[in-house]
Amino acid sequence: ILNEAMAAFAMQVAQRKLWLHSALVRRGFAAVGQKFPEVEVDMGYPPSKVRMAERLSGKKTIIIGVPGAFTPTCSNQHVPGYLAQQAALKAKGIDEVLVCSVNDGAVMDAWAKDQKVQGSMITFLADTEGMMAKSLDLVLDSPQIRQRLGGPRLKRFAMLVEEGVITQMIVAEGDVPASATFADAMLEKC
């Protein structure tokens, strides 16, 4: 029976009748229902350490992961969309939006200033050593990525974390477009 159910599910996915959602499909990375990993990331420059478990405790938070600071999609669509939707996000009970990337604190601090997030509900965090990317199993690495961005990065994702538990998760890869991780799409999931 299990093999028949899996075969039917695979057929639905192949026919694109079922939109990929991590509550339904476990793809080897962090999943809905799991606690967010206990990792430290950097904030600002000089960097101060942020313990993610503590940061997420008692909050409803959207975390977005992006491949790189100052990249076109991230700077022109991803972050501006979250800035523009702050009131709607707050109305849905979102306390904070965390933007994470495998970069150092100085780069993320400069990008935050460029995006004019000061005073907003958006905080930029640096996954300086890629430990968050590794602990979530969301490392983006290929010869093309290394050529363009210099080394392993974080896959583009958006997740809703409530009280430290992942309740929604979307990873932009395959047939899941980057826009599925943008603010408008996440508002529908909050």
N, C-alpha and C. Protein backbone atom coordinates (compact mmCIF):
# COMPACT_ATOMS: atom_id res chain seq x y z
N ILE A 1 0.83 -1.20 0.00
CA ILE A 1 0.00 0.00 0.00
C ILE A 1 0.87 1.25 0.00
N LEU A 2 1.94 1.22 0.80
CA LEU A 2 2.83 2.38 0.87
C LEU A 2 3.46 2.68 -0.48
N ASN A 3 3.92 1.63 -1.18
CA ASN A 3 4.52 1.84 -2.50
C ASN A 3 3.52 2.40 -3.49
N GLU A 4 2.27 1.94 -3.42
CA GLU A 4 1.22 2.47 -4.30
C GLU A 4 0.95 3.94 -4.00
N ALA A 5 0.91 4.29 -2.72
CA ALA A 5 0.67 5.69 -2.33
C ALA A 5 1.82 6.57 -2.80
N MET A 6 3.03 6.09 -2.63
CA MET A 6 4.19 6.88 -3.07
C MET A 6 4.19 7.03 -4.58
N ALA A 7 3.84 5.99 -5.30
CA ALA A 7 3.79 6.06 -6.76
C ALA A 7 2.71 7.04 -7.22
N ALA A 8 1.56 7.03 -6.56
CA ALA A 8 0.48 7.97 -6.91
C ALA A 8 0.91 9.40 -6.62
N PHE A 9 1.55 9.59 -5.48
CA PHE A 9 2.04 10.93 -5.13
C PHE A 9 3.07 11.41 -6.14
N ALA A 10 4.01 10.56 -6.49
CA ALA A 10 5.03 10.92 -7.48
C ALA A 10 4.39 11.30 -8.81
N MET A 11 3.35 10.58 -9.20
CA MET A 11 2.66 10.89 -10.45
C MET A 11 2.01 12.27 -10.37
N GLN A 12 1.37 12.59 -9.22
CA GLN A 12 0.75 13.91 -9.05
C GLN A 12 1.79 15.02 -9.16
N VAL A 13 2.91 14.82 -8.50
CA VAL A 13 3.98 15.82 -8.56
C VAL A 13 4.48 15.97 -9.99
N ALA A 14 4.70 14.83 -10.65
CA ALA A 14 5.18 14.87 -12.03
C ALA A 14 4.20 15.58 -12.95
N GLN A 15 2.93 15.41 -12.69
CA GLN A 15 1.91 16.06 -13.51
C GLN A 15 1.63 17.48 -13.03
N ARG A 16 2.35 17.91 -12.00
CA ARG A 16 2.24 19.26 -11.44
C ARG A 16 0.84 19.57 -10.92
N LYS A 17 0.14 18.53 -10.50
CA LYS A 17 -1.17 18.75 -9.91
C LYS A 17 -1.05 19.12 -8.44
N LEU A 18 0.08 18.80 -7.86
CA LEU A 18 0.30 19.07 -6.45
C LEU A 18 1.50 19.97 -6.33
N TRP A 19 1.29 21.20 -5.84
CA TRP A 19 2.39 22.14 -5.68
C TRP A 19 3.29 21.67 -4.56
N LEU A 20 4.56 21.74 -4.76
CA LEU A 20 5.52 21.26 -3.78
C LEU A 20 5.42 22.04 -2.49
N HIS A 21 5.24 21.37 -1.40
CA HIS A 21 5.15 21.97 -0.08
C HIS A 21 5.89 21.05 0.87
N SER A 22 6.75 21.62 1.69
CA SER A 22 7.61 20.77 2.50
C SER A 22 6.87 19.96 3.54
N ALA A 23 5.63 20.30 3.86
CA ALA A 23 4.87 19.46 4.78
C ALA A 23 4.52 18.13 4.11
N LEU A 24 4.49 18.12 2.79
CA LEU A 24 4.14 16.92 2.06
C LEU A 24 5.35 16.17 1.53
N VAL A 25 6.42 16.88 1.25
CA VAL A 25 7.58 16.27 0.63
C VAL A 25 8.82 16.57 1.47
N ARG A 26 9.47 15.57 1.94
CA ARG A 26 10.72 15.74 2.66
C ARG A 26 11.83 15.58 1.64
N ARG A 27 12.62 16.63 1.44
CA ARG A 27 13.62 16.62 0.38
C ARG A 27 15.04 16.58 0.91
N GLY A 28 15.23 16.17 2.14
CA GLY A 28 16.57 16.06 2.67
C GLY A 28 17.01 17.26 3.47
N PHE A 29 16.27 18.35 3.45
CA PHE A 29 16.65 19.50 4.25
C PHE A 29 15.64 19.69 5.37
N ALA A 30 15.85 20.72 6.16
CA ALA A 30 14.95 21.01 7.28
C ALA A 30 13.51 20.96 6.80
N ALA A 31 12.62 20.56 7.67
CA ALA A 31 11.23 20.35 7.26
C ALA A 31 10.26 20.99 8.24
N VAL A 32 9.06 21.19 7.77
CA VAL A 32 7.97 21.68 8.60
C VAL A 32 7.82 20.76 9.80
N GLY A 33 7.65 21.38 10.96
CA GLY A 33 7.49 20.62 12.20
C GLY A 33 8.77 20.46 12.98
N GLN A 34 9.91 20.72 12.34
CA GLN A 34 11.19 20.62 13.04
C GLN A 34 11.52 21.94 13.72
N LYS A 35 12.29 21.83 14.81
CA LYS A 35 12.80 23.03 15.45
C LYS A 35 13.90 23.62 14.58
N PHE A 36 13.96 24.94 14.55
CA PHE A 36 15.05 25.59 13.81
C PHE A 36 16.35 25.21 14.51
N PRO A 37 17.41 24.90 13.74
CA PRO A 37 18.67 24.46 14.34
C PRO A 37 19.28 25.52 15.27
N GLU A 38 19.96 25.04 16.28
CA GLU A 38 20.66 25.93 17.21
C GLU A 38 22.01 26.30 16.59
N VAL A 39 22.01 27.41 15.88
CA VAL A 39 23.23 27.90 15.24
C VAL A 39 23.41 29.37 15.61
N GLU A 40 24.63 29.84 15.44
CA GLU A 40 24.94 31.25 15.64
C GLU A 40 25.26 31.88 14.29
N VAL A 41 24.78 33.08 14.10
CA VAL A 41 25.09 33.87 12.92
C VAL A 41 25.58 35.23 13.40
N ASP A 42 26.03 36.06 12.47
CA ASP A 42 26.57 37.37 12.82
C ASP A 42 25.61 38.48 12.42
N MET A 43 25.62 39.55 13.23
CA MET A 43 24.82 40.72 12.92
C MET A 43 25.72 41.95 13.01
N GLY A 44 25.67 42.76 11.94
CA GLY A 44 26.40 44.02 11.93
C GLY A 44 27.89 43.86 11.76
N TYR A 45 28.57 45.02 11.84
CA TYR A 45 30.02 45.03 11.77
C TYR A 45 30.56 46.14 12.64
N PRO A 46 31.48 45.86 13.56
CA PRO A 46 31.99 44.51 13.83
C PRO A 46 30.84 43.61 14.29
N PRO A 47 30.95 42.35 13.93
CA PRO A 47 29.80 41.46 14.16
C PRO A 47 29.57 41.12 15.63
N SER A 48 28.29 41.00 15.96
CA SER A 48 27.90 40.43 17.24
C SER A 48 27.21 39.12 16.93
N LYS A 49 27.38 38.15 17.81
CA LYS A 49 26.80 36.82 17.61
C LYS A 49 25.31 36.83 17.94
N VAL A 50 24.54 36.15 17.12
CA VAL A 50 23.11 35.99 17.34
C VAL A 50 22.84 34.49 17.41
N ARG A 51 22.31 34.07 18.54
CA ARG A 51 21.90 32.66 18.70
C ARG A 51 20.48 32.55 18.16
N MET A 52 20.33 31.83 17.06
CA MET A 52 19.04 31.78 16.37
C MET A 52 17.92 31.21 17.27
N ALA A 53 18.21 30.21 18.08
CA ALA A 53 17.18 29.64 18.94
C ALA A 53 16.62 30.71 19.88
N GLU A 54 17.50 31.53 20.43
CA GLU A 54 17.05 32.61 21.31
C GLU A 54 16.32 33.69 20.53
N ARG A 55 16.82 34.03 19.36
CA ARG A 55 16.21 35.08 18.54
C ARG A 55 14.78 34.71 18.14
N LEU A 56 14.53 33.44 17.89
CA LEU A 56 13.23 32.99 17.40
C LEU A 56 12.25 32.65 18.52
N SER A 57 12.73 32.56 19.74
CA SER A 57 11.90 32.18 20.87
C SER A 57 10.81 33.23 21.13
N GLY A 58 9.57 32.75 21.24
CA GLY A 58 8.45 33.62 21.55
C GLY A 58 8.01 34.53 20.43
N LYS A 59 8.44 34.24 19.21
CA LYS A 59 8.12 35.10 18.07
C LYS A 59 7.55 34.32 16.91
N LYS A 60 6.91 35.07 16.02
CA LYS A 60 6.48 34.56 14.72
C LYS A 60 7.35 35.30 13.70
N THR A 61 8.25 34.58 13.08
CA THR A 61 9.30 35.18 12.26
C THR A 61 9.32 34.57 10.87
N ILE A 62 9.57 35.41 9.88
CA ILE A 62 9.86 34.91 8.54
C ILE A 62 11.36 35.00 8.36
N ILE A 63 11.95 33.91 7.93
CA ILE A 63 13.38 33.89 7.61
C ILE A 63 13.50 33.68 6.12
N ILE A 64 14.24 34.57 5.46
CA ILE A 64 14.50 34.35 4.05
C ILE A 64 16.00 34.15 3.86
N GLY A 65 16.33 33.16 3.08
CA GLY A 65 17.70 32.89 2.73
C GLY A 65 17.92 33.28 1.29
N VAL A 66 19.02 33.93 1.03
CA VAL A 66 19.33 34.38 -0.32
C VAL A 66 20.76 33.97 -0.69
N PRO A 67 21.01 33.74 -1.98
CA PRO A 67 22.34 33.31 -2.40
C PRO A 67 23.43 34.36 -2.21
N GLY A 68 23.08 35.64 -2.29
CA GLY A 68 24.12 36.64 -2.14
C GLY A 68 23.57 38.04 -1.92
N ALA A 69 24.32 38.81 -1.15
CA ALA A 69 23.99 40.22 -0.97
C ALA A 69 24.26 40.96 -2.27
N PHE A 70 23.51 41.99 -2.51
CA PHE A 70 23.67 42.87 -3.67
C PHE A 70 23.39 42.19 -5.01
N THR A 71 22.88 40.97 -5.01
CA THR A 71 22.57 40.32 -6.28
C THR A 71 21.25 40.89 -6.81
N PRO A 72 21.03 40.89 -8.11
CA PRO A 72 19.87 41.58 -8.69
C PRO A 72 18.50 41.14 -8.15
N THR A 73 18.22 39.85 -8.12
CA THR A 73 16.91 39.40 -7.64
C THR A 73 16.71 39.77 -6.18
N CYS A 74 17.76 39.57 -5.38
CA CYS A 74 17.66 39.86 -3.95
C CYS A 74 17.47 41.35 -3.69
N SER A 75 18.23 42.18 -4.38
CA SER A 75 18.20 43.63 -4.14
C SER A 75 17.05 44.35 -4.82
N ASN A 76 16.59 43.83 -5.95
CA ASN A 76 15.55 44.52 -6.71
C ASN A 76 14.14 44.00 -6.45
N GLN A 77 14.01 42.77 -5.95
CA GLN A 77 12.69 42.19 -5.76
C GLN A 77 12.46 41.64 -4.35
N HIS A 78 13.38 40.78 -3.91
CA HIS A 78 13.17 40.06 -2.67
C HIS A 78 13.02 40.99 -1.47
N VAL A 79 14.08 41.74 -1.15
CA VAL A 79 14.05 42.61 0.02
C VAL A 79 13.04 43.75 -0.15
N PRO A 80 13.00 44.45 -1.30
CA PRO A 80 12.00 45.53 -1.44
C PRO A 80 10.57 45.05 -1.24
N GLY A 81 10.26 43.83 -1.65
CA GLY A 81 8.92 43.30 -1.46
C GLY A 81 8.56 43.16 0.01
N TYR A 82 9.51 42.69 0.81
CA TYR A 82 9.26 42.57 2.26
C TYR A 82 9.15 43.94 2.91
N LEU A 83 9.95 44.89 2.46
CA LEU A 83 9.84 46.25 2.98
C LEU A 83 8.46 46.84 2.68
N ALA A 84 8.01 46.65 1.46
CA ALA A 84 6.72 47.20 1.04
C ALA A 84 5.54 46.54 1.74
N GLN A 85 5.70 45.32 2.20
CA GLN A 85 4.58 44.57 2.80
C GLN A 85 4.63 44.54 4.34
N GLN A 86 5.41 45.42 4.94
CA GLN A 86 5.56 45.38 6.40
C GLN A 86 4.22 45.47 7.14
N ALA A 87 3.37 46.38 6.75
CA ALA A 87 2.09 46.55 7.45
C ALA A 87 1.26 45.28 7.35
N ALA A 88 1.20 44.68 6.17
CA ALA A 88 0.44 43.45 5.98
C ALA A 88 1.05 42.29 6.77
N LEU A 89 2.37 42.23 6.83
CA LEU A 89 3.04 41.18 7.60
C LEU A 89 2.74 41.35 9.09
N LYS A 90 2.81 42.58 9.58
CA LYS A 90 2.50 42.84 10.99
C LYS A 90 1.06 42.47 11.29
N ALA A 91 0.15 42.77 10.37
CA ALA A 91 -1.26 42.44 10.55
C ALA A 91 -1.48 40.93 10.65
N LYS A 92 -0.58 40.16 10.06
CA LYS A 92 -0.65 38.69 10.12
C LYS A 92 0.09 38.14 11.35
N GLY A 93 0.60 39.05 12.18
CA GLY A 93 1.27 38.63 13.41
C GLY A 93 2.75 38.39 13.29
N ILE A 94 3.35 38.76 12.18
CA ILE A 94 4.79 38.58 12.01
C ILE A 94 5.52 39.62 12.85
N ASP A 95 6.45 39.16 13.67
CA ASP A 95 7.24 40.05 14.53
C ASP A 95 8.47 40.59 13.84
N GLU A 96 9.05 39.77 12.96
CA GLU A 96 10.34 40.14 12.37
C GLU A 96 10.57 39.35 11.09
N VAL A 97 11.32 39.95 10.18
CA VAL A 97 11.79 39.26 8.98
C VAL A 97 13.31 39.26 9.05
N LEU A 98 13.90 38.08 8.98
CA LEU A 98 15.36 37.94 9.01
C LEU A 98 15.84 37.56 7.62
N VAL A 99 16.78 38.33 7.10
CA VAL A 99 17.37 38.07 5.79
C VAL A 99 18.77 37.51 6.04
N CYS A 100 19.00 36.29 5.57
CA CYS A 100 20.26 35.60 5.83
C CYS A 100 20.96 35.26 4.52
N SER A 101 22.28 35.37 4.55
CA SER A 101 23.09 35.01 3.39
C SER A 101 24.48 34.59 3.87
N VAL A 102 25.13 33.74 3.09
CA VAL A 102 26.50 33.37 3.38
C VAL A 102 27.40 34.51 2.90
N ASN A 103 27.66 35.41 3.81
CA ASN A 103 28.52 36.57 3.60
C ASN A 103 29.06 36.95 4.97
N ASP A 104 29.97 37.91 4.99
CA ASP A 104 30.45 38.38 6.29
C ASP A 104 29.58 39.53 6.79
N GLY A 105 29.75 39.87 8.05
CA GLY A 105 28.94 40.91 8.67
C GLY A 105 29.07 42.26 8.00
N ALA A 106 30.26 42.59 7.51
CA ALA A 106 30.46 43.89 6.86
C ALA A 106 29.65 43.99 5.58
N VAL A 107 29.64 42.93 4.81
CA VAL A 107 28.87 42.92 3.55
C VAL A 107 27.38 43.03 3.86
N MET A 108 26.90 42.25 4.82
CA MET A 108 25.47 42.28 5.14
C MET A 108 25.07 43.63 5.73
N ASP A 109 25.95 44.23 6.52
CA ASP A 109 25.67 45.55 7.08
C ASP A 109 25.58 46.60 5.97
N ALA A 110 26.51 46.53 5.02
CA ALA A 110 26.48 47.47 3.89
C ALA A 110 25.23 47.26 3.03
N TRP A 111 24.85 46.01 2.84
CA TRP A 111 23.65 45.72 2.05
C TRP A 111 22.40 46.21 2.77
N ALA A 112 22.35 46.04 4.07
CA ALA A 112 21.20 46.53 4.85
C ALA A 112 21.07 48.04 4.70
N LYS A 113 22.19 48.75 4.74
CA LYS A 113 22.16 50.21 4.55
C LYS A 113 21.70 50.55 3.13
N ASP A 114 22.19 49.82 2.15
CA ASP A 114 21.79 50.04 0.76
C ASP A 114 20.29 49.83 0.57
N GLN A 115 19.74 48.85 1.26
CA GLN A 115 18.31 48.52 1.13
C GLN A 115 17.44 49.38 2.06
N LYS A 116 18.06 50.20 2.88
CA LYS A 116 17.35 51.13 3.78
C LYS A 116 16.38 50.40 4.72
N VAL A 117 16.89 49.36 5.40
CA VAL A 117 16.05 48.60 6.31
C VAL A 117 16.08 49.12 7.74
N GLN A 118 16.96 50.06 8.04
CA GLN A 118 17.04 50.58 9.40
C GLN A 118 15.67 51.10 9.85
N GLY A 119 15.26 50.72 11.04
CA GLY A 119 13.98 51.14 11.58
C GLY A 119 12.81 50.29 11.09
N SER A 120 13.06 49.32 10.24
CA SER A 120 12.00 48.44 9.74
C SER A 120 11.96 47.16 10.57
N MET A 121 11.10 46.26 10.19
CA MET A 121 11.00 44.96 10.86
C MET A 121 11.99 43.94 10.27
N ILE A 122 12.85 44.41 9.37
CA ILE A 122 13.79 43.53 8.68
C ILE A 122 15.19 43.66 9.26
N THR A 123 15.80 42.52 9.54
CA THR A 123 17.16 42.47 10.07
C THR A 123 17.99 41.58 9.16
N PHE A 124 19.18 42.04 8.81
CA PHE A 124 20.10 41.26 7.98
C PHE A 124 21.09 40.52 8.87
N LEU A 125 21.26 39.23 8.60
CA LEU A 125 22.18 38.39 9.37
C LEU A 125 23.16 37.70 8.43
N ALA A 126 24.39 37.60 8.88
CA ALA A 126 25.45 36.98 8.09
C ALA A 126 25.71 35.56 8.58
N ASP A 127 25.58 34.61 7.68
CA ASP A 127 25.95 33.22 7.95
C ASP A 127 27.40 33.07 7.51
N THR A 128 28.28 33.72 8.23
CA THR A 128 29.67 33.93 7.83
C THR A 128 30.39 32.65 7.43
N GLU A 129 30.22 31.60 8.20
CA GLU A 129 30.91 30.34 7.92
C GLU A 129 30.00 29.31 7.25
N GLY A 130 28.78 29.71 6.92
CA GLY A 130 27.86 28.78 6.28
C GLY A 130 27.30 27.72 7.19
N MET A 131 27.39 27.92 8.50
CA MET A 131 26.91 26.90 9.44
C MET A 131 25.39 26.76 9.43
N MET A 132 24.68 27.87 9.25
CA MET A 132 23.23 27.78 9.18
C MET A 132 22.83 27.04 7.90
N ALA A 133 23.47 27.39 6.78
CA ALA A 133 23.19 26.72 5.52
C ALA A 133 23.41 25.21 5.66
N LYS A 134 24.50 24.83 6.30
CA LYS A 134 24.81 23.41 6.49
C LYS A 134 23.81 22.74 7.42
N SER A 135 23.46 23.41 8.53
CA SER A 135 22.57 22.78 9.51
C SER A 135 21.16 22.62 8.95
N LEU A 136 20.75 23.49 8.03
CA LEU A 136 19.44 23.36 7.37
C LEU A 136 19.52 22.47 6.14
N ASP A 137 20.74 22.08 5.76
CA ASP A 137 21.00 21.33 4.53
C ASP A 137 20.48 22.09 3.32
N LEU A 138 20.79 23.40 3.30
CA LEU A 138 20.38 24.27 2.20
C LEU A 138 21.59 24.96 1.57
N VAL A 139 22.67 24.22 1.45
CA VAL A 139 23.88 24.75 0.81
C VAL A 139 23.69 24.73 -0.70
N LEU A 140 23.96 25.85 -1.32
CA LEU A 140 23.91 25.98 -2.77
C LEU A 140 25.35 25.94 -3.27
N ASP A 141 25.71 24.89 -3.98
CA ASP A 141 27.09 24.76 -4.42
C ASP A 141 27.14 24.04 -5.76
N SER A 142 27.81 24.66 -6.69
CA SER A 142 28.04 24.07 -8.01
C SER A 142 29.18 24.85 -8.65
N PRO A 143 29.77 24.34 -9.72
CA PRO A 143 30.82 25.12 -10.40
C PRO A 143 30.31 26.49 -10.85
N GLN A 144 29.06 26.56 -11.31
CA GLN A 144 28.50 27.84 -11.74
C GLN A 144 28.38 28.82 -10.57
N ILE A 145 27.92 28.34 -9.42
CA ILE A 145 27.81 29.19 -8.23
C ILE A 145 29.19 29.65 -7.80
N ARG A 146 30.15 28.75 -7.78
CA ARG A 146 31.51 29.13 -7.38
C ARG A 146 32.09 30.18 -8.35
N GLN A 147 31.80 30.05 -9.63
CA GLN A 147 32.30 31.01 -10.61
C GLN A 147 31.66 32.38 -10.41
N ARG A 148 30.36 32.40 -10.13
CA ARG A 148 29.64 33.67 -10.00
C ARG A 148 29.77 34.31 -8.62
N LEU A 149 29.71 33.48 -7.57
CA LEU A 149 29.64 34.03 -6.22
C LEU A 149 30.84 33.67 -5.34
N GLY A 150 31.76 32.87 -5.86
CA GLY A 150 33.00 32.60 -5.16
C GLY A 150 33.05 31.39 -4.27
N GLY A 151 31.94 30.82 -3.94
CA GLY A 151 31.95 29.65 -3.07
C GLY A 151 30.55 29.22 -2.73
N PRO A 152 30.42 28.21 -1.88
CA PRO A 152 29.11 27.72 -1.50
C PRO A 152 28.27 28.84 -0.87
N ARG A 153 26.98 28.84 -1.16
CA ARG A 153 26.06 29.86 -0.67
C ARG A 153 24.83 29.20 -0.07
N LEU A 154 23.86 30.01 0.28
CA LEU A 154 22.61 29.55 0.83
C LEU A 154 21.57 29.51 -0.28
N LYS A 155 20.82 28.42 -0.35
CA LYS A 155 19.74 28.36 -1.34
C LYS A 155 18.71 29.43 -1.02
N ARG A 156 18.00 29.88 -2.05
CA ARG A 156 16.93 30.85 -1.83
C ARG A 156 15.75 30.12 -1.19
N PHE A 157 15.32 30.61 -0.03
CA PHE A 157 14.20 30.00 0.66
C PHE A 157 13.45 31.05 1.46
N ALA A 158 12.27 30.69 1.87
CA ALA A 158 11.51 31.47 2.85
C ALA A 158 10.86 30.47 3.79
N MET A 159 10.91 30.78 5.06
CA MET A 159 10.26 29.91 6.03
C MET A 159 9.58 30.75 7.10
N LEU A 160 8.50 30.22 7.58
CA LEU A 160 7.79 30.81 8.70
C LEU A 160 8.16 29.98 9.92
N VAL A 161 8.64 30.66 10.95
CA VAL A 161 9.06 29.98 12.17
C VAL A 161 8.24 30.56 13.32
N GLU A 162 7.54 29.70 14.03
CA GLU A 162 6.73 30.12 15.16
C GLU A 162 7.24 29.43 16.42
N GLU A 163 7.63 30.26 17.40
CA GLU A 163 8.15 29.73 18.66
C GLU A 163 9.33 28.79 18.42
N GLY A 164 10.14 29.07 17.40
CA GLY A 164 11.31 28.25 17.12
C GLY A 164 11.06 27.02 16.28
N VAL A 165 9.81 26.80 15.84
CA VAL A 165 9.46 25.61 15.05
C VAL A 165 9.10 26.06 13.63
N ILE A 166 9.65 25.39 12.64
CA ILE A 166 9.37 25.70 11.24
C ILE A 166 7.94 25.26 10.93
N THR A 167 7.09 26.22 10.53
CA THR A 167 5.69 25.89 10.22
C THR A 167 5.37 25.96 8.73
N GLN A 168 6.18 26.69 7.98
CA GLN A 168 6.06 26.75 6.52
C GLN A 168 7.46 26.85 5.95
N MET A 169 7.68 26.24 4.80
CA MET A 169 9.01 26.32 4.19
C MET A 169 8.90 26.14 2.68
N ILE A 170 9.52 27.07 1.98
CA ILE A 170 9.55 27.03 0.52
C ILE A 170 10.99 27.21 0.09
N VAL A 171 11.47 26.32 -0.75
CA VAL A 171 12.82 26.43 -1.30
C VAL A 171 12.69 26.61 -2.81
N ALA A 172 13.30 27.67 -3.32
CA ALA A 172 13.23 27.97 -4.75
C ALA A 172 14.27 27.13 -5.49
N GLU A 173 13.81 26.08 -6.09
CA GLU A 173 14.67 25.24 -6.93
C GLU A 173 13.77 24.35 -7.77
N GLY A 174 14.32 23.82 -8.83
CA GLY A 174 13.51 22.99 -9.72
C GLY A 174 12.38 23.81 -10.30
N ASP A 175 11.16 23.33 -10.14
CA ASP A 175 10.01 24.05 -10.69
C ASP A 175 9.39 25.04 -9.70
N VAL A 176 10.04 25.26 -8.56
CA VAL A 176 9.57 26.25 -7.59
C VAL A 176 10.32 27.55 -7.87
N PRO A 177 9.61 28.58 -8.35
CA PRO A 177 10.29 29.83 -8.73
C PRO A 177 10.70 30.67 -7.53
N ALA A 178 11.64 31.57 -7.75
CA ALA A 178 12.08 32.49 -6.70
C ALA A 178 10.91 33.25 -6.11
N SER A 179 9.94 33.60 -6.94
CA SER A 179 8.78 34.38 -6.48
C SER A 179 7.98 33.67 -5.39
N ALA A 180 8.11 32.36 -5.27
CA ALA A 180 7.41 31.62 -4.23
C ALA A 180 7.95 31.95 -2.84
N THR A 181 9.12 32.61 -2.79
CA THR A 181 9.72 32.99 -1.52
C THR A 181 9.56 34.49 -1.23
N PHE A 182 8.90 35.20 -2.13
CA PHE A 182 8.72 36.65 -1.97
C PHE A 182 7.61 36.94 -0.96
N ALA A 183 7.52 38.18 -0.54
CA ALA A 183 6.58 38.60 0.50
C ALA A 183 5.14 38.28 0.17
N ASP A 184 4.71 38.54 -1.06
CA ASP A 184 3.31 38.29 -1.42
C ASP A 184 2.96 36.81 -1.24
N ALA A 185 3.86 35.93 -1.62
CA ALA A 185 3.60 34.50 -1.48
C ALA A 185 3.59 34.09 -0.01
N MET A 186 4.49 34.66 0.78
CA MET A 186 4.53 34.31 2.20
C MET A 186 3.32 34.84 2.95
N LEU A 187 2.80 35.97 2.52
CA LEU A 187 1.60 36.51 3.17
C LEU A 187 0.44 35.52 3.09
N GLU A 188 0.37 34.79 2.01
CA GLU A 188 -0.69 33.80 1.86
C GLU A 188 -0.52 32.63 2.81
N LYS A 189 0.70 32.42 3.31
CA LYS A 189 1.00 31.27 4.16
C LYS A 189 0.95 31.61 5.64
N CYS A 190 0.88 32.90 5.97
CA CYS A 190 0.91 33.32 7.39
C CYS A 190 -0.45 33.18 8.04
